[in-house]
Amino acid sequence: MLIEKTIENGKAVFALDGRLDTLTSPDLDEALEALPEEANELVMDFSKLTYVSSAGLRVLLRAHKKMMPKGGFKICGVNDTIQEIFDVTGFSEILTIE
């Protein structure tokens, strides 16, 4: 999985490309840990993401918990397959998905 990161005016955007699974979720977790303190909003662009496993869902939940007190966390560009994963697991009720 590739992670393209941009940070401007406190808003971080992570564009993910590939699969967020057991092998790649540590990379996203590491990128989130390296997020500067001044980042008060996080947007994840899933336009090129093809799959999310339970390991990926755990990282997304940690990102949500980390960013919500600061200002926000949202996901955009979700395809039907990933939306179905979010719906079945209940994550669509927890996460802000646009």
PDB file of N, CA and C in Angstrom:
ATOM      1  N   MET A   1       0.840  -1.176   0.000  1.00  0.00           N
ATOM      2  CA  MET A   1       0.000   0.000   0.000  1.00  0.00           C
ATOM      3  C   MET A   1       0.884   1.237   0.000  1.00  0.00           C
ATOM      4  N   LEU A   2       0.480   2.209  -0.762  1.00  0.00           N
ATOM      5  CA  LEU A   2       1.161   3.496  -0.797  1.00  0.00           C
ATOM      6  C   LEU A   2       0.349   4.508   0.005  1.00  0.00           C
ATOM      7  N   ILE A   3       1.058   5.376   0.729  1.00  0.00           N
ATOM      8  CA  ILE A   3       0.412   6.441   1.496  1.00  0.00           C
ATOM      9  C   ILE A   3       1.003   7.764   1.027  1.00  0.00           C
ATOM     10  N   GLU A   4       0.180   8.586   0.407  1.00  0.00           N
ATOM     11  CA  GLU A   4       0.606   9.924   0.000  1.00  0.00           C
ATOM     12  C   GLU A   4       0.089  10.897   1.047  1.00  0.00           C
ATOM     13  N   LYS A   5       1.006  11.610   1.707  1.00  0.00           N
ATOM     14  CA  LYS A   5       0.636  12.492   2.822  1.00  0.00           C
ATOM     15  C   LYS A   5       0.867  13.947   2.450  1.00  0.00           C
ATOM     16  N   THR A   6      -0.125  14.776   2.779  1.00  0.00           N
ATOM     17  CA  THR A   6       0.042  16.217   2.671  1.00  0.00           C
ATOM     18  C   THR A   6      -0.510  16.842   3.951  1.00  0.00           C
ATOM     19  N   ILE A   7       0.176  17.871   4.418  1.00  0.00           N
ATOM     20  CA  ILE A   7      -0.279  18.584   5.611  1.00  0.00           C
ATOM     21  C   ILE A   7      -0.185  20.085   5.324  1.00  0.00           C
ATOM     22  N   GLU A   8      -1.327  20.770   5.449  1.00  0.00           N
ATOM     23  CA  GLU A   8      -1.380  22.211   5.241  1.00  0.00           C
ATOM     24  C   GLU A   8      -2.359  22.827   6.225  1.00  0.00           C
ATOM     25  N   ASN A   9      -1.934  23.882   6.885  1.00  0.00           N
ATOM     26  CA  ASN A   9      -2.804  24.636   7.799  1.00  0.00           C
ATOM     27  C   ASN A   9      -3.526  23.745   8.805  1.00  0.00           C
ATOM     28  N   GLY A  10      -2.823  22.775   9.349  1.00  0.00           N
ATOM     29  CA  GLY A  10      -3.397  21.909  10.371  1.00  0.00           C
ATOM     30  C   GLY A  10      -4.236  20.766   9.842  1.00  0.00           C
ATOM     31  N   LYS A  11      -4.401  20.680   8.526  1.00  0.00           N
ATOM     32  CA  LYS A  11      -5.198  19.609   7.919  1.00  0.00           C
ATOM     33  C   LYS A  11      -4.261  18.614   7.237  1.00  0.00           C
ATOM     34  N   ALA A  12      -4.345  17.364   7.676  1.00  0.00           N
ATOM     35  CA  ALA A  12      -3.553  16.298   7.081  1.00  0.00           C
ATOM     36  C   ALA A  12      -4.448  15.468   6.166  1.00  0.00           C
ATOM     37  N   VAL A  13      -3.937  15.157   4.992  1.00  0.00           N
ATOM     38  CA  VAL A  13      -4.658  14.291   4.059  1.00  0.00           C
ATOM     39  C   VAL A  13      -3.758  13.111   3.741  1.00  0.00           C
ATOM     40  N   PHE A  14      -4.288  11.909   3.969  1.00  0.00           N
ATOM     41  CA  PHE A  14      -3.585  10.669   3.636  1.00  0.00           C
ATOM     42  C   PHE A  14      -4.371  10.002   2.515  1.00  0.00           C
ATOM     43  N   ALA A  15      -3.765   9.891   1.345  1.00  0.00           N
ATOM     44  CA  ALA A  15      -4.382   9.183   0.227  1.00  0.00           C
ATOM     45  C   ALA A  15      -3.773   7.782   0.184  1.00  0.00           C
ATOM     46  N   LEU A  16      -4.630   6.773   0.348  1.00  0.00           N
ATOM     47  CA  LEU A  16      -4.164   5.394   0.406  1.00  0.00           C
ATOM     48  C   LEU A  16      -4.415   4.707  -0.929  1.00  0.00           C
ATOM     49  N   ASP A  17      -3.448   3.906  -1.351  1.00  0.00           N
ATOM     50  CA  ASP A  17      -3.527   3.213  -2.632  1.00  0.00           C
ATOM     51  C   ASP A  17      -3.137   1.757  -2.412  1.00  0.00           C
ATOM     52  N   GLY A  18      -4.058   0.836  -2.649  1.00  0.00           N
ATOM     53  CA  GLY A  18      -3.759  -0.586  -2.482  1.00  0.00           C
ATOM     54  C   GLY A  18      -4.690  -1.236  -1.484  1.00  0.00           C
ATOM     55  N   ARG A  19      -4.109  -2.079  -0.621  1.00  0.00           N
ATOM     56  CA  ARG A  19      -4.876  -2.827   0.382  1.00  0.00           C
ATOM     57  C   ARG A  19      -4.409  -2.450   1.778  1.00  0.00           C
ATOM     58  N   LEU A  20      -5.362  -2.210   2.665  1.00  0.00           N
ATOM     59  CA  LEU A  20      -5.062  -1.944   4.076  1.00  0.00           C
ATOM     60  C   LEU A  20      -5.363  -3.239   4.825  1.00  0.00           C
ATOM     61  N   ASP A  21      -4.310  -4.013   5.064  1.00  0.00           N
ATOM     62  CA  ASP A  21      -4.482  -5.339   5.658  1.00  0.00           C
ATOM     63  C   ASP A  21      -3.414  -5.592   6.712  1.00  0.00           C
ATOM     64  N   THR A  22      -3.254  -6.832   7.113  1.00  0.00           N
ATOM     65  CA  THR A  22      -2.306  -7.196   8.165  1.00  0.00           C
ATOM     66  C   THR A  22      -0.879  -6.773   7.824  1.00  0.00           C
ATOM     67  N   LEU A  23      -0.512  -6.887   6.566  1.00  0.00           N
ATOM     68  CA  LEU A  23       0.850  -6.534   6.157  1.00  0.00           C
ATOM     69  C   LEU A  23       1.082  -5.035   6.070  1.00  0.00           C
ATOM     70  N   THR A  24       0.044  -4.274   5.703  1.00  0.00           N
ATOM     71  CA  THR A  24       0.241  -2.846   5.451  1.00  0.00           C
ATOM     72  C   THR A  24      -0.268  -1.932   6.564  1.00  0.00           C
ATOM     73  N   SER A  25      -1.124  -2.442   7.442  1.00  0.00           N
ATOM     74  CA  SER A  25      -1.665  -1.580   8.501  1.00  0.00           C
ATOM     75  C   SER A  25      -0.581  -1.011   9.426  1.00  0.00           C
ATOM     76  N   PRO A  26       0.530  -1.738   9.693  1.00  0.00           N
ATOM     77  CA  PRO A  26       1.582  -1.109  10.504  1.00  0.00           C
ATOM     78  C   PRO A  26       2.174   0.149   9.851  1.00  0.00           C
ATOM     79  N   ASP A  27       2.194   0.185   8.516  1.00  0.00           N
ATOM     80  CA  ASP A  27       2.696   1.378   7.820  1.00  0.00           C
ATOM     81  C   ASP A  27       1.794   2.578   8.076  1.00  0.00           C
ATOM     82  N   LEU A  28       0.496   2.363   8.035  1.00  0.00           N
ATOM     83  CA  LEU A  28      -0.443   3.452   8.314  1.00  0.00           C
ATOM     84  C   LEU A  28      -0.369   3.864   9.774  1.00  0.00           C
ATOM     85  N   ASP A  29      -0.259   2.886  10.653  1.00  0.00           N
ATOM     86  CA  ASP A  29      -0.138   3.176  12.084  1.00  0.00           C
ATOM     87  C   ASP A  29       1.097   4.035  12.349  1.00  0.00           C
ATOM     88  N   GLU A  30       2.196   3.694  11.710  1.00  0.00           N
ATOM     89  CA  GLU A  30       3.449   4.454  11.847  1.00  0.00           C
ATOM     90  C   GLU A  30       3.284   5.885  11.317  1.00  0.00           C
ATOM     91  N   ALA A  31       2.608   6.033  10.184  1.00  0.00           N
ATOM     92  CA  ALA A  31       2.378   7.363   9.610  1.00  0.00           C
ATOM     93  C   ALA A  31       1.502   8.208  10.540  1.00  0.00           C
ATOM     94  N   LEU A  32       0.535   7.580  11.181  1.00  0.00           N
ATOM     95  CA  LEU A  32      -0.326   8.300  12.128  1.00  0.00           C
ATOM     96  C   LEU A  32       0.436   8.725  13.370  1.00  0.00           C
ATOM     97  N   GLU A  33       1.327   7.872  13.839  1.00  0.00           N
ATOM     98  CA  GLU A  33       2.143   8.219  15.008  1.00  0.00           C
ATOM     99  C   GLU A  33       3.071   9.388  14.703  1.00  0.00           C
ATOM    100  N   ALA A  34       3.500   9.506  13.454  1.00  0.00           N
ATOM    101  CA  ALA A  34       4.413  10.583  13.053  1.00  0.00           C
ATOM    102  C   ALA A  34       3.677  11.878  12.713  1.00  0.00           C
ATOM    103  N   LEU A  35       2.363  11.864  12.804  1.00  0.00           N
ATOM    104  CA  LEU A  35       1.575  13.054  12.500  1.00  0.00           C
ATOM    105  C   LEU A  35       1.941  14.171  13.474  1.00  0.00           C
ATOM    106  N   PRO A  36       2.281  15.348  12.967  1.00  0.00           N
ATOM    107  CA  PRO A  36       2.664  16.442  13.873  1.00  0.00           C
ATOM    108  C   PRO A  36       1.509  16.874  14.776  1.00  0.00           C
ATOM    109  N   GLU A  37       1.849  17.363  15.942  1.00  0.00           N
ATOM    110  CA  GLU A  37       0.844  17.793  16.923  1.00  0.00           C
ATOM    111  C   GLU A  37      -0.068  18.890  16.384  1.00  0.00           C
ATOM    112  N   GLU A  38       0.461  19.742  15.492  1.00  0.00           N
ATOM    113  CA  GLU A  38      -0.360  20.838  14.973  1.00  0.00           C
ATOM    114  C   GLU A  38      -1.438  20.360  13.995  1.00  0.00           C
ATOM    115  N   ALA A  39      -1.393  19.118  13.586  1.00  0.00           N
ATOM    116  CA  ALA A  39      -2.445  18.572  12.723  1.00  0.00           C
ATOM    117  C   ALA A  39      -3.693  18.361  13.570  1.00  0.00           C
ATOM    118  N   ASN A  40      -4.740  19.126  13.261  1.00  0.00           N
ATOM    119  CA  ASN A  40      -5.958  19.029  14.052  1.00  0.00           C
ATOM    120  C   ASN A  40      -7.125  18.426  13.272  1.00  0.00           C
ATOM    121  N   GLU A  41      -6.872  18.075  12.022  1.00  0.00           N
ATOM    122  CA  GLU A  41      -7.886  17.416  11.200  1.00  0.00           C
ATOM    123  C   GLU A  41      -7.190  16.397  10.307  1.00  0.00           C
ATOM    124  N   LEU A  42      -7.806  15.235  10.161  1.00  0.00           N
ATOM    125  CA  LEU A  42      -7.252  14.188   9.307  1.00  0.00           C
ATOM    126  C   LEU A  42      -8.327  13.709   8.347  1.00  0.00           C
ATOM    127  N   VAL A  43      -7.982  13.726   7.072  1.00  0.00           N
ATOM    128  CA  VAL A  43      -8.856  13.202   6.030  1.00  0.00           C
ATOM    129  C   VAL A  43      -8.117  12.049   5.367  1.00  0.00           C
ATOM    130  N   MET A  44      -8.784  10.908   5.258  1.00  0.00           N
ATOM    131  CA  MET A  44      -8.211   9.779   4.539  1.00  0.00           C
ATOM    132  C   MET A  44      -8.984   9.589   3.244  1.00  0.00           C
ATOM    133  N   ASP A  45      -8.249   9.650   2.154  1.00  0.00           N
ATOM    134  CA  ASP A  45      -8.825   9.482   0.829  1.00  0.00           C
ATOM    135  C   ASP A  45      -8.673   8.023   0.421  1.00  0.00           C
ATOM    136  N   PHE A  46      -9.801   7.326   0.304  1.00  0.00           N
ATOM    137  CA  PHE A  46      -9.807   5.903  -0.032  1.00  0.00           C
ATOM    138  C   PHE A  46     -10.116   5.666  -1.509  1.00  0.00           C
ATOM    139  N   SER A  47      -9.992   6.687  -2.360  1.00  0.00           N
ATOM    140  CA  SER A  47     -10.339   6.555  -3.772  1.00  0.00           C
ATOM    141  C   SER A  47      -9.607   5.412  -4.460  1.00  0.00           C
ATOM    142  N   LYS A  48      -8.372   5.132  -4.031  1.00  0.00           N
ATOM    143  CA  LYS A  48      -7.578   4.079  -4.662  1.00  0.00           C
ATOM    144  C   LYS A  48      -7.374   2.873  -3.750  1.00  0.00           C
ATOM    145  N   LEU A  49      -8.088   2.840  -2.631  1.00  0.00           N
ATOM    146  CA  LEU A  49      -7.980   1.705  -1.711  1.00  0.00           C
ATOM    147  C   LEU A  49      -8.953   0.624  -2.160  1.00  0.00           C
ATOM    148  N   THR A  50      -8.487  -0.634  -2.185  1.00  0.00           N
ATOM    149  CA  THR A  50      -9.313  -1.721  -2.699  1.00  0.00           C
ATOM    150  C   THR A  50      -9.860  -2.646  -1.620  1.00  0.00           C
ATOM    151  N   TYR A  51      -9.266  -2.631  -0.416  1.00  0.00           N
ATOM    152  CA  TYR A  51      -9.665  -3.591   0.612  1.00  0.00           C
ATOM    153  C   TYR A  51      -9.233  -3.098   1.983  1.00  0.00           C
ATOM    154  N   VAL A  52     -10.037  -3.415   3.010  1.00  0.00           N
ATOM    155  CA  VAL A  52      -9.682  -3.133   4.401  1.00  0.00           C
ATOM    156  C   VAL A  52      -9.951  -4.396   5.218  1.00  0.00           C
ATOM    157  N   SER A  53      -8.927  -4.871   5.933  1.00  0.00           N
ATOM    158  CA  SER A  53      -9.085  -6.043   6.806  1.00  0.00           C
ATOM    159  C   SER A  53      -9.372  -5.588   8.231  1.00  0.00           C
ATOM    160  N   SER A  54      -9.545  -6.560   9.128  1.00  0.00           N
ATOM    161  CA  SER A  54      -9.779  -6.225  10.536  1.00  0.00           C
ATOM    162  C   SER A  54      -8.579  -5.485  11.134  1.00  0.00           C
ATOM    163  N   ALA A  55      -7.371  -5.815  10.687  1.00  0.00           N
ATOM    164  CA  ALA A  55      -6.183  -5.096  11.165  1.00  0.00           C
ATOM    165  C   ALA A  55      -6.239  -3.636  10.726  1.00  0.00           C
ATOM    166  N   GLY A  56      -6.702  -3.389   9.514  1.00  0.00           N
ATOM    167  CA  GLY A  56      -6.863  -2.028   9.024  1.00  0.00           C
ATOM    168  C   GLY A  56      -7.938  -1.278   9.785  1.00  0.00           C
ATOM    169  N   LEU A  57      -9.025  -1.979  10.125  1.00  0.00           N
ATOM    170  CA  LEU A  57     -10.097  -1.353  10.897  1.00  0.00           C
ATOM    171  C   LEU A  57      -9.599  -0.906  12.267  1.00  0.00           C
ATOM    172  N   ARG A  58      -8.737  -1.701  12.882  1.00  0.00           N
ATOM    173  CA  ARG A  58      -8.177  -1.317  14.195  1.00  0.00           C
ATOM    174  C   ARG A  58      -7.380  -0.028  14.082  1.00  0.00           C
ATOM    175  N   VAL A  59      -6.594   0.123  13.022  1.00  0.00           N
ATOM    176  CA  VAL A  59      -5.807   1.342  12.826  1.00  0.00           C
ATOM    177  C   VAL A  59      -6.743   2.533  12.603  1.00  0.00           C
ATOM    178  N   LEU A  60      -7.810   2.334  11.847  1.00  0.00           N
ATOM    179  CA  LEU A  60      -8.763   3.418  11.610  1.00  0.00           C
ATOM    180  C   LEU A  60      -9.446   3.840  12.905  1.00  0.00           C
ATOM    181  N   LEU A  61      -9.752   2.878  13.756  1.00  0.00           N
ATOM    182  CA  LEU A  61     -10.368   3.201  15.047  1.00  0.00           C
ATOM    183  C   LEU A  61      -9.399   4.004  15.923  1.00  0.00           C
ATOM    184  N   ARG A  62      -8.128   3.628  15.923  1.00  0.00           N
ATOM    185  CA  ARG A  62      -7.128   4.397  16.681  1.00  0.00           C
ATOM    186  C   ARG A  62      -6.999   5.816  16.127  1.00  0.00           C
ATOM    187  N   ALA A  63      -7.022   5.952  14.810  1.00  0.00           N
ATOM    188  CA  ALA A  63      -6.951   7.280  14.197  1.00  0.00           C
ATOM    189  C   ALA A  63      -8.149   8.120  14.605  1.00  0.00           C
ATOM    190  N   HIS A  64      -9.315   7.510  14.592  1.00  0.00           N
ATOM    191  CA  HIS A  64     -10.542   8.200  15.007  1.00  0.00           C
ATOM    192  C   HIS A  64     -10.420   8.686  16.452  1.00  0.00           C
ATOM    193  N   LYS A  65      -9.994   7.810  17.347  1.00  0.00           N
ATOM    194  CA  LYS A  65      -9.865   8.185  18.763  1.00  0.00           C
ATOM    195  C   LYS A  65      -8.821   9.275  18.967  1.00  0.00           C
ATOM    196  N   LYS A  66      -7.758   9.239  18.177  1.00  0.00           N
ATOM    197  CA  LYS A  66      -6.692  10.237  18.310  1.00  0.00           C
ATOM    198  C   LYS A  66      -7.134  11.610  17.797  1.00  0.00           C
ATOM    199  N   MET A  67      -7.868  11.635  16.687  1.00  0.00           N
ATOM    200  CA  MET A  67      -8.160  12.899  16.025  1.00  0.00           C
ATOM    201  C   MET A  67      -9.464  13.558  16.454  1.00  0.00           C
ATOM    202  N   MET A  68     -10.427  12.822  16.928  1.00  0.00           N
ATOM    203  CA  MET A  68     -11.716  13.427  17.270  1.00  0.00           C
ATOM    204  C   MET A  68     -11.604  14.526  18.324  1.00  0.00           C
ATOM    205  N   PRO A  69     -10.817  14.364  19.384  1.00  0.00           N
ATOM    206  CA  PRO A  69     -10.704  15.462  20.349  1.00  0.00           C
ATOM    207  C   PRO A  69      -9.998  16.703  19.782  1.00  0.00           C
ATOM    208  N   LYS A  70      -9.213  16.517  18.730  1.00  0.00           N
ATOM    209  CA  LYS A  70      -8.454  17.618  18.155  1.00  0.00           C
ATOM    210  C   LYS A  70      -9.247  18.431  17.144  1.00  0.00           C
ATOM    211  N   GLY A  71     -10.218  17.826  16.534  1.00  0.00           N
ATOM    212  CA  GLY A  71     -10.953  18.567  15.520  1.00  0.00           C
ATOM    213  C   GLY A  71     -11.679  17.698  14.520  1.00  0.00           C
ATOM    214  N   GLY A  72     -11.137  16.558  14.175  1.00  0.00           N
ATOM    215  CA  GLY A  72     -11.910  15.724  13.272  1.00  0.00           C
ATOM    216  C   GLY A  72     -11.124  14.694  12.505  1.00  0.00           C
ATOM    217  N   PHE A  73     -11.865  13.707  12.059  1.00  0.00           N
ATOM    218  CA  PHE A  73     -11.349  12.608  11.254  1.00  0.00           C
ATOM    219  C   PHE A  73     -12.455  12.182  10.311  1.00  0.00           C
ATOM    220  N   LYS A  74     -12.164  12.163   9.019  1.00  0.00           N
ATOM    221  CA  LYS A  74     -13.160  11.688   8.070  1.00  0.00           C
ATOM    222  C   LYS A  74     -12.491  10.912   6.951  1.00  0.00           C
ATOM    223  N   ILE A  75     -13.301  10.096   6.320  1.00  0.00           N
ATOM    224  CA  ILE A  75     -12.855   9.255   5.220  1.00  0.00           C
ATOM    225  C   ILE A  75     -13.685   9.619   3.996  1.00  0.00           C
ATOM    226  N   CYS A  76     -13.034   9.765   2.857  1.00  0.00           N
ATOM    227  CA  CYS A  76     -13.752  10.066   1.626  1.00  0.00           C
ATOM    228  C   CYS A  76     -13.308   9.104   0.527  1.00  0.00           C
ATOM    229  N   GLY A  77     -14.079   9.052  -0.545  1.00  0.00           N
ATOM    230  CA  GLY A  77     -13.729   8.221  -1.693  1.00  0.00           C
ATOM    231  C   GLY A  77     -13.889   6.735  -1.463  1.00  0.00           C
ATOM    232  N   VAL A  78     -14.828   6.343  -0.614  1.00  0.00           N
ATOM    233  CA  VAL A  78     -15.010   4.933  -0.271  1.00  0.00           C
ATOM    234  C   VAL A  78     -15.776   4.217  -1.385  1.00  0.00           C
ATOM    235  N   ASN A  79     -15.229   3.080  -1.854  1.00  0.00           N
ATOM    236  CA  ASN A  79     -15.933   2.301  -2.875  1.00  0.00           C
ATOM    237  C   ASN A  79     -16.984   1.400  -2.214  1.00  0.00           C
ATOM    238  N   ASP A  80     -17.789   0.741  -3.026  1.00  0.00           N
ATOM    239  CA  ASP A  80     -18.885  -0.087  -2.511  1.00  0.00           C
ATOM    240  C   ASP A  80     -18.393  -1.243  -1.649  1.00  0.00           C
ATOM    241  N   THR A  81     -17.277  -1.862  -2.019  1.00  0.00           N
ATOM    242  CA  THR A  81     -16.744  -2.999  -1.261  1.00  0.00           C
ATOM    243  C   THR A  81     -16.343  -2.577   0.148  1.00  0.00           C
ATOM    244  N   ILE A  82     -15.630  -1.473   0.252  1.00  0.00           N
ATOM    245  CA  ILE A  82     -15.191  -0.996   1.565  1.00  0.00           C
ATOM    246  C   ILE A  82     -16.375  -0.470   2.362  1.00  0.00           C
ATOM    247  N   GLN A  83     -17.330   0.187   1.694  1.00  0.00           N
ATOM    248  CA  GLN A  83     -18.519   0.650   2.394  1.00  0.00           C
ATOM    249  C   GLN A  83     -19.271  -0.526   3.000  1.00  0.00           C
ATOM    250  N   GLU A  84     -19.337  -1.631   2.276  1.00  0.00           N
ATOM    251  CA  GLU A  84     -20.008  -2.828   2.796  1.00  0.00           C
ATOM    252  C   GLU A  84     -19.283  -3.360   4.036  1.00  0.00           C
ATOM    253  N   ILE A  85     -17.954  -3.340   4.022  1.00  0.00           N
ATOM    254  CA  ILE A  85     -17.172  -3.753   5.197  1.00  0.00           C
ATOM    255  C   ILE A  85     -17.499  -2.844   6.376  1.00  0.00           C
ATOM    256  N   PHE A  86     -17.550  -1.532   6.138  1.00  0.00           N
ATOM    257  CA  PHE A  86     -17.893  -0.586   7.204  1.00  0.00           C
ATOM    258  C   PHE A  86     -19.308  -0.835   7.730  1.00  0.00           C
ATOM    259  N   ASP A  87     -20.239  -1.112   6.825  1.00  0.00           N
ATOM    260  CA  ASP A  87     -21.630  -1.347   7.234  1.00  0.00           C
ATOM    261  C   ASP A  87     -21.757  -2.621   8.063  1.00  0.00           C
ATOM    262  N   VAL A  88     -21.151  -3.709   7.609  1.00  0.00           N
ATOM    263  CA  VAL A  88     -21.261  -5.001   8.297  1.00  0.00           C
ATOM    264  C   VAL A  88     -20.617  -4.958   9.679  1.00  0.00           C
ATOM    265  N   THR A  89     -19.509  -4.234   9.805  1.00  0.00           N
ATOM    266  CA  THR A  89     -18.791  -4.179  11.084  1.00  0.00           C
ATOM    267  C   THR A  89     -19.313  -3.091  12.016  1.00  0.00           C
ATOM    268  N   GLY A  90     -20.191  -2.232  11.526  1.00  0.00           N
ATOM    269  CA  GLY A  90     -20.702  -1.138  12.346  1.00  0.00           C
ATOM    270  C   GLY A  90     -19.828   0.104  12.323  1.00  0.00           C
ATOM    271  N   PHE A  91     -18.744   0.068  11.563  1.00  0.00           N
ATOM    272  CA  PHE A  91     -17.847   1.222  11.498  1.00  0.00           C
ATOM    273  C   PHE A  91     -18.503   2.410  10.808  1.00  0.00           C
ATOM    274  N   SER A  92     -19.509   2.159   9.971  1.00  0.00           N
ATOM    275  CA  SER A  92     -20.190   3.279   9.319  1.00  0.00           C
ATOM    276  C   SER A  92     -20.967   4.118  10.333  1.00  0.00           C
ATOM    277  N   GLU A  93     -21.246   3.554  11.503  1.00  0.00           N
ATOM    278  CA  GLU A  93     -21.910   4.289  12.573  1.00  0.00           C
ATOM    279  C   GLU A  93     -20.913   5.081  13.421  1.00  0.00           C
ATOM    280  N   ILE A  94     -19.648   4.695  13.376  1.00  0.00           N
ATOM    281  CA  ILE A  94     -18.612   5.315  14.202  1.00  0.00           C
ATOM    282  C   ILE A  94     -17.850   6.393  13.436  1.00  0.00           C
ATOM    283  N   LEU A  95     -17.468   6.076  12.200  1.00  0.00           N
ATOM    284  CA  LEU A  95     -16.623   6.947  11.404  1.00  0.00           C
ATOM    285  C   LEU A  95     -17.449   7.940  10.582  1.00  0.00           C
ATOM    286  N   THR A  96     -16.855   9.071  10.266  1.00  0.00           N
ATOM    287  CA  THR A  96     -17.469  10.033   9.355  1.00  0.00           C
ATOM    288  C   THR A  96     -16.990   9.681   7.961  1.00  0.00           C
ATOM    289  N   ILE A  97     -17.933   9.254   7.120  1.00  0.00           N
ATOM    290  CA  ILE A  97     -17.617   8.809   5.762  1.00  0.00           C
ATOM    291  C   ILE A  97     -18.364   9.706   4.790  1.00  0.00           C
ATOM    292  N   GLU A  98     -17.610  10.321   3.900  1.00  0.00           N
ATOM    293  CA  GLU A  98     -18.225  11.219   2.902  1.00  0.00           C
ATOM    294  C   GLU A  98     -18.027  10.671   1.508  1.00  0.00           C
TER     295      GLU A  98
END
